[in-house]
Amino acid sequence: VQLVESGGGLVQPGGSLRLSCAASGFTLTNYVMRWYRQAPGKERELVATINPGGSSTYYADSLKERFTISRDNARKQVYLQMVSLKPEDTAVYYCNARRTTYGYEYWGQGTQVTVSS
């Protein structure tokens, strides 16, 4: 089982990034997918959630205007589109897969996003 994030990097304030999470070793369509982030010295926080079919999403209140979560189950990918990035968005972003009924949960290794001029 693997979740591999990519797409992070250094971006200027106001810029955009698209994070990707490649899933392998399990049936993605059975899992709710989430993006979390953790800034230095802070707790990990939930960024966005998407249901297995992709028809329902949830966002942290402060991010819903700028972040969009999506998934392509056929390609086994989950995405996080981020626009109008701010320095406070600087964090390591993690992909998470959870199948609550069976107690299965997987994490990626994270991808660093740094927003700085």
N, C-alpha and C. Protein backbone atom coordinates (compact mmCIF):
# COMPACT_ATOMS: atom_id res chain seq x y z
N VAL A 1 0.85 -1.19 0.00
CA VAL A 1 0.00 0.00 0.00
C VAL A 1 0.88 1.24 0.00
N GLN A 2 0.56 2.15 -0.89
CA GLN A 2 1.35 3.39 -0.96
C GLN A 2 0.47 4.57 -1.32
N LEU A 3 0.76 5.68 -0.69
CA LEU A 3 0.26 6.98 -1.10
C LEU A 3 1.48 7.86 -1.32
N VAL A 4 1.61 8.41 -2.51
CA VAL A 4 2.78 9.21 -2.82
C VAL A 4 2.33 10.58 -3.28
N GLU A 5 2.65 11.59 -2.48
CA GLU A 5 2.30 12.96 -2.83
C GLU A 5 3.38 13.58 -3.71
N SER A 6 2.96 14.50 -4.54
CA SER A 6 3.89 15.27 -5.38
C SER A 6 3.26 16.61 -5.69
N GLY A 7 4.07 17.49 -6.25
CA GLY A 7 3.57 18.79 -6.68
C GLY A 7 3.87 19.94 -5.75
N GLY A 8 4.46 19.65 -4.61
CA GLY A 8 4.82 20.73 -3.70
C GLY A 8 6.02 21.51 -4.22
N GLY A 9 6.34 22.58 -3.52
CA GLY A 9 7.48 23.39 -3.91
C GLY A 9 7.39 24.78 -3.33
N LEU A 10 8.23 25.65 -3.86
CA LEU A 10 8.28 27.05 -3.45
C LEU A 10 7.44 27.88 -4.43
N VAL A 11 6.56 28.68 -3.89
CA VAL A 11 5.70 29.52 -4.72
C VAL A 11 5.57 30.88 -4.06
N GLN A 12 5.41 31.91 -4.85
CA GLN A 12 5.24 33.25 -4.33
C GLN A 12 3.82 33.46 -3.82
N PRO A 13 3.64 34.35 -2.88
CA PRO A 13 2.27 34.67 -2.44
C PRO A 13 1.39 35.05 -3.62
N GLY A 14 0.18 34.53 -3.60
CA GLY A 14 -0.73 34.75 -4.72
C GLY A 14 -0.65 33.70 -5.80
N GLY A 15 0.34 32.84 -5.71
CA GLY A 15 0.52 31.81 -6.72
C GLY A 15 -0.37 30.60 -6.49
N SER A 16 -0.19 29.61 -7.36
CA SER A 16 -1.01 28.41 -7.32
C SER A 16 -0.13 27.17 -7.37
N LEU A 17 -0.66 26.10 -6.81
CA LEU A 17 -0.02 24.79 -6.90
C LEU A 17 -1.10 23.74 -6.99
N ARG A 18 -0.77 22.65 -7.64
CA ARG A 18 -1.66 21.50 -7.67
C ARG A 18 -0.91 20.30 -7.11
N LEU A 19 -1.36 19.81 -5.99
CA LEU A 19 -0.78 18.63 -5.39
C LEU A 19 -1.47 17.39 -5.94
N SER A 20 -0.69 16.34 -6.08
CA SER A 20 -1.23 15.05 -6.51
C SER A 20 -0.88 13.99 -5.48
N CYS A 21 -1.76 13.01 -5.37
CA CYS A 21 -1.54 11.86 -4.50
C CYS A 21 -1.82 10.61 -5.31
N ALA A 22 -0.78 9.82 -5.54
CA ALA A 22 -0.91 8.59 -6.29
C ALA A 22 -1.11 7.42 -5.34
N ALA A 23 -2.18 6.69 -5.54
CA ALA A 23 -2.51 5.57 -4.66
C ALA A 23 -2.20 4.24 -5.34
N SER A 24 -1.69 3.30 -4.58
CA SER A 24 -1.44 1.96 -5.10
C SER A 24 -1.55 0.94 -3.98
N GLY A 25 -1.89 -0.27 -4.38
CA GLY A 25 -1.93 -1.36 -3.41
C GLY A 25 -3.24 -1.54 -2.69
N PHE A 26 -4.24 -0.71 -3.02
CA PHE A 26 -5.55 -0.88 -2.42
C PHE A 26 -6.59 -0.32 -3.40
N THR A 27 -7.85 -0.61 -3.14
CA THR A 27 -8.93 -0.20 -4.03
C THR A 27 -9.39 1.20 -3.65
N LEU A 28 -8.95 2.17 -4.40
CA LEU A 28 -9.19 3.57 -4.05
C LEU A 28 -10.67 3.89 -3.91
N THR A 29 -11.50 3.26 -4.71
CA THR A 29 -12.92 3.57 -4.71
C THR A 29 -13.63 3.19 -3.40
N ASN A 30 -12.95 2.48 -2.54
CA ASN A 30 -13.52 2.11 -1.25
C ASN A 30 -13.19 3.10 -0.14
N TYR A 31 -12.41 4.12 -0.47
CA TYR A 31 -11.83 4.98 0.56
C TYR A 31 -12.25 6.43 0.43
N VAL A 32 -12.54 7.02 1.58
CA VAL A 32 -12.62 8.46 1.69
C VAL A 32 -11.19 8.99 1.69
N MET A 33 -10.97 10.04 0.92
CA MET A 33 -9.64 10.61 0.82
C MET A 33 -9.61 12.01 1.43
N ARG A 34 -8.52 12.32 2.07
CA ARG A 34 -8.36 13.62 2.72
C ARG A 34 -6.96 14.17 2.48
N TRP A 35 -6.89 15.47 2.51
CA TRP A 35 -5.61 16.18 2.57
C TRP A 35 -5.53 16.84 3.95
N TYR A 36 -4.38 16.66 4.57
CA TYR A 36 -4.06 17.33 5.82
C TYR A 36 -2.82 18.18 5.58
N ARG A 37 -2.55 19.07 6.51
CA ARG A 37 -1.30 19.81 6.46
C ARG A 37 -0.78 20.04 7.87
N GLN A 38 0.52 20.19 7.96
CA GLN A 38 1.14 20.46 9.25
C GLN A 38 2.22 21.51 9.07
N ALA A 39 2.01 22.63 9.70
CA ALA A 39 3.00 23.71 9.67
C ALA A 39 3.98 23.52 10.83
N PRO A 40 5.16 24.10 10.71
CA PRO A 40 6.16 23.95 11.78
C PRO A 40 5.61 24.41 13.13
N GLY A 41 5.76 23.57 14.13
CA GLY A 41 5.32 23.93 15.47
C GLY A 41 3.83 23.85 15.70
N LYS A 42 3.08 23.38 14.71
CA LYS A 42 1.63 23.30 14.83
C LYS A 42 1.15 21.88 14.66
N GLU A 43 -0.09 21.64 15.11
CA GLU A 43 -0.69 20.32 14.94
C GLU A 43 -1.13 20.12 13.49
N ARG A 44 -1.22 18.86 13.13
CA ARG A 44 -1.72 18.53 11.80
C ARG A 44 -3.21 18.92 11.73
N GLU A 45 -3.60 19.54 10.64
CA GLU A 45 -4.98 19.98 10.49
C GLU A 45 -5.58 19.45 9.19
N LEU A 46 -6.88 19.21 9.24
CA LEU A 46 -7.60 18.74 8.07
C LEU A 46 -7.81 19.89 7.09
N VAL A 47 -7.48 19.63 5.84
CA VAL A 47 -7.64 20.63 4.79
C VAL A 47 -8.92 20.38 4.00
N ALA A 48 -9.08 19.15 3.51
CA ALA A 48 -10.22 18.84 2.64
C ALA A 48 -10.49 17.34 2.63
N THR A 49 -11.74 17.01 2.34
CA THR A 49 -12.20 15.62 2.30
C THR A 49 -13.02 15.41 1.03
N ILE A 50 -12.91 14.20 0.45
CA ILE A 50 -13.74 13.85 -0.70
C ILE A 50 -14.21 12.41 -0.54
N ASN A 51 -15.49 12.19 -0.84
CA ASN A 51 -16.05 10.84 -0.65
C ASN A 51 -15.57 9.91 -1.76
N PRO A 52 -15.83 8.61 -1.62
CA PRO A 52 -15.27 7.66 -2.58
C PRO A 52 -15.65 7.93 -4.03
N GLY A 53 -16.88 8.37 -4.28
CA GLY A 53 -17.29 8.62 -5.66
C GLY A 53 -16.93 9.99 -6.18
N GLY A 54 -16.48 10.86 -5.30
CA GLY A 54 -16.10 12.20 -5.71
C GLY A 54 -17.24 13.20 -5.76
N SER A 55 -18.42 12.80 -5.29
CA SER A 55 -19.59 13.68 -5.42
C SER A 55 -19.76 14.62 -4.24
N SER A 56 -19.02 14.39 -3.17
CA SER A 56 -19.19 15.20 -1.97
C SER A 56 -17.83 15.61 -1.44
N THR A 57 -17.70 16.88 -1.11
CA THR A 57 -16.44 17.40 -0.58
C THR A 57 -16.68 18.22 0.67
N TYR A 58 -15.63 18.36 1.43
CA TYR A 58 -15.66 19.17 2.65
C TYR A 58 -14.34 19.92 2.74
N TYR A 59 -14.43 21.16 3.22
CA TYR A 59 -13.22 21.97 3.37
C TYR A 59 -13.19 22.64 4.73
N ALA A 60 -11.99 22.86 5.22
CA ALA A 60 -11.84 23.72 6.38
C ALA A 60 -12.38 25.09 6.00
N ASP A 61 -13.09 25.71 6.91
CA ASP A 61 -13.79 26.96 6.60
C ASP A 61 -12.87 28.01 6.00
N SER A 62 -11.67 28.10 6.52
CA SER A 62 -10.77 29.17 6.09
C SER A 62 -10.16 28.90 4.72
N LEU A 63 -10.38 27.70 4.17
CA LEU A 63 -9.72 27.33 2.92
C LEU A 63 -10.68 27.11 1.76
N LYS A 64 -11.96 27.04 2.02
CA LYS A 64 -12.91 26.60 0.98
C LYS A 64 -12.95 27.51 -0.23
N GLU A 65 -12.56 28.75 -0.08
CA GLU A 65 -12.60 29.67 -1.22
C GLU A 65 -11.39 29.52 -2.13
N ARG A 66 -10.33 28.86 -1.62
CA ARG A 66 -9.08 28.84 -2.38
C ARG A 66 -8.60 27.44 -2.74
N PHE A 67 -9.10 26.43 -2.05
CA PHE A 67 -8.63 25.05 -2.27
C PHE A 67 -9.74 24.20 -2.87
N THR A 68 -9.37 23.28 -3.75
CA THR A 68 -10.32 22.36 -4.36
C THR A 68 -9.74 20.95 -4.36
N ILE A 69 -10.48 20.02 -3.77
CA ILE A 69 -10.07 18.63 -3.78
C ILE A 69 -10.83 17.90 -4.87
N SER A 70 -10.16 16.97 -5.53
CA SER A 70 -10.81 16.17 -6.57
C SER A 70 -10.11 14.81 -6.62
N ARG A 71 -10.72 13.90 -7.35
CA ARG A 71 -10.12 12.57 -7.48
C ARG A 71 -10.44 11.99 -8.84
N ASP A 72 -9.54 11.16 -9.30
CA ASP A 72 -9.72 10.40 -10.53
C ASP A 72 -9.48 8.95 -10.16
N ASN A 73 -10.56 8.24 -9.88
CA ASN A 73 -10.41 6.86 -9.40
C ASN A 73 -9.81 5.95 -10.47
N ALA A 74 -10.09 6.25 -11.71
CA ALA A 74 -9.54 5.42 -12.79
C ALA A 74 -8.03 5.54 -12.85
N ARG A 75 -7.54 6.74 -12.60
CA ARG A 75 -6.09 6.97 -12.60
C ARG A 75 -5.47 6.76 -11.22
N LYS A 76 -6.32 6.49 -10.23
CA LYS A 76 -5.86 6.28 -8.85
C LYS A 76 -5.11 7.50 -8.32
N GLN A 77 -5.72 8.66 -8.56
CA GLN A 77 -5.10 9.91 -8.16
C GLN A 77 -6.10 10.77 -7.38
N VAL A 78 -5.56 11.51 -6.43
CA VAL A 78 -6.33 12.52 -5.71
C VAL A 78 -5.55 13.82 -5.82
N TYR A 79 -6.28 14.92 -5.96
CA TYR A 79 -5.62 16.19 -6.22
C TYR A 79 -6.07 17.24 -5.20
N LEU A 80 -5.20 18.22 -5.02
CA LEU A 80 -5.56 19.40 -4.26
C LEU A 80 -5.08 20.61 -5.04
N GLN A 81 -6.02 21.34 -5.59
CA GLN A 81 -5.71 22.57 -6.31
C GLN A 81 -5.74 23.72 -5.32
N MET A 82 -4.67 24.47 -5.26
CA MET A 82 -4.56 25.58 -4.32
C MET A 82 -4.27 26.86 -5.10
N VAL A 83 -5.07 27.88 -4.87
CA VAL A 83 -4.86 29.16 -5.54
C VAL A 83 -4.75 30.26 -4.50
N SER A 84 -4.28 31.42 -4.96
CA SER A 84 -4.13 32.58 -4.07
C SER A 84 -3.41 32.20 -2.78
N LEU A 85 -2.31 31.51 -2.94
CA LEU A 85 -1.60 31.00 -1.78
C LEU A 85 -1.03 32.12 -0.92
N LYS A 86 -1.01 31.85 0.37
CA LYS A 86 -0.53 32.81 1.36
C LYS A 86 0.63 32.21 2.15
N PRO A 87 1.47 33.05 2.74
CA PRO A 87 2.57 32.50 3.54
C PRO A 87 2.09 31.53 4.62
N GLU A 88 0.91 31.76 5.17
CA GLU A 88 0.41 30.87 6.21
C GLU A 88 -0.04 29.51 5.68
N ASP A 89 -0.03 29.33 4.38
CA ASP A 89 -0.30 28.02 3.80
C ASP A 89 0.96 27.14 3.79
N THR A 90 2.07 27.71 4.16
CA THR A 90 3.31 26.94 4.22
C THR A 90 3.18 25.80 5.21
N ALA A 91 3.42 24.59 4.73
CA ALA A 91 3.25 23.39 5.55
C ALA A 91 3.67 22.17 4.74
N VAL A 92 3.77 21.06 5.43
CA VAL A 92 3.86 19.77 4.75
C VAL A 92 2.43 19.27 4.55
N TYR A 93 2.11 18.91 3.33
CA TYR A 93 0.76 18.46 2.98
C TYR A 93 0.77 16.94 2.83
N TYR A 94 -0.19 16.31 3.51
CA TYR A 94 -0.27 14.85 3.54
C TYR A 94 -1.57 14.36 2.93
N CYS A 95 -1.46 13.28 2.22
CA CYS A 95 -2.61 12.57 1.68
C CYS A 95 -2.99 11.45 2.63
N ASN A 96 -4.29 11.27 2.83
CA ASN A 96 -4.78 10.25 3.76
C ASN A 96 -5.93 9.47 3.12
N ALA A 97 -5.89 8.16 3.31
CA ALA A 97 -6.97 7.29 2.84
C ALA A 97 -7.55 6.56 4.05
N ARG A 98 -8.88 6.56 4.14
CA ARG A 98 -9.51 5.93 5.29
C ARG A 98 -10.76 5.15 4.88
N ARG A 99 -10.82 3.93 5.39
CA ARG A 99 -12.01 3.12 5.21
C ARG A 99 -12.49 2.75 6.61
N THR A 100 -13.29 3.62 7.17
CA THR A 100 -13.64 3.57 8.58
C THR A 100 -14.25 2.24 8.99
N THR A 101 -15.11 1.67 8.17
CA THR A 101 -15.82 0.45 8.52
C THR A 101 -14.86 -0.67 8.89
N TYR A 102 -13.74 -0.73 8.21
CA TYR A 102 -12.79 -1.81 8.46
C TYR A 102 -11.56 -1.34 9.24
N GLY A 103 -11.54 -0.08 9.60
CA GLY A 103 -10.41 0.42 10.36
C GLY A 103 -9.13 0.56 9.58
N TYR A 104 -9.25 0.68 8.27
CA TYR A 104 -8.05 0.83 7.45
C TYR A 104 -7.75 2.30 7.27
N GLU A 105 -6.47 2.66 7.40
CA GLU A 105 -6.06 4.04 7.20
C GLU A 105 -4.61 4.07 6.73
N TYR A 106 -4.36 4.90 5.72
CA TYR A 106 -3.02 5.01 5.17
C TYR A 106 -2.64 6.48 5.02
N TRP A 107 -1.34 6.73 5.14
CA TRP A 107 -0.80 8.09 5.01
C TRP A 107 0.32 8.10 3.99
N GLY A 108 0.42 9.21 3.29
CA GLY A 108 1.58 9.44 2.46
C GLY A 108 2.71 10.04 3.27
N GLN A 109 3.83 10.26 2.60
CA GLN A 109 5.02 10.78 3.29
C GLN A 109 5.02 12.31 3.38
N GLY A 110 4.14 12.93 2.63
CA GLY A 110 4.02 14.39 2.66
C GLY A 110 4.82 15.07 1.56
N THR A 111 4.35 16.26 1.21
CA THR A 111 5.06 17.10 0.25
C THR A 111 5.10 18.53 0.81
N GLN A 112 6.25 19.14 0.73
CA GLN A 112 6.44 20.47 1.31
C GLN A 112 5.91 21.55 0.38
N VAL A 113 5.12 22.42 0.94
CA VAL A 113 4.67 23.63 0.23
C VAL A 113 5.19 24.83 1.00
N THR A 114 5.92 25.67 0.31
CA THR A 114 6.46 26.88 0.92
C THR A 114 5.99 28.09 0.11
N VAL A 115 5.31 28.99 0.78
CA VAL A 115 4.81 30.20 0.13
C VAL A 115 5.62 31.37 0.67
N SER A 116 6.46 31.93 -0.19
CA SER A 116 7.36 32.99 0.24
C SER A 116 7.82 33.81 -0.95
N SER A 117 8.04 35.07 -0.71
CA SER A 117 8.58 35.94 -1.76
C SER A 117 10.10 36.00 -1.66
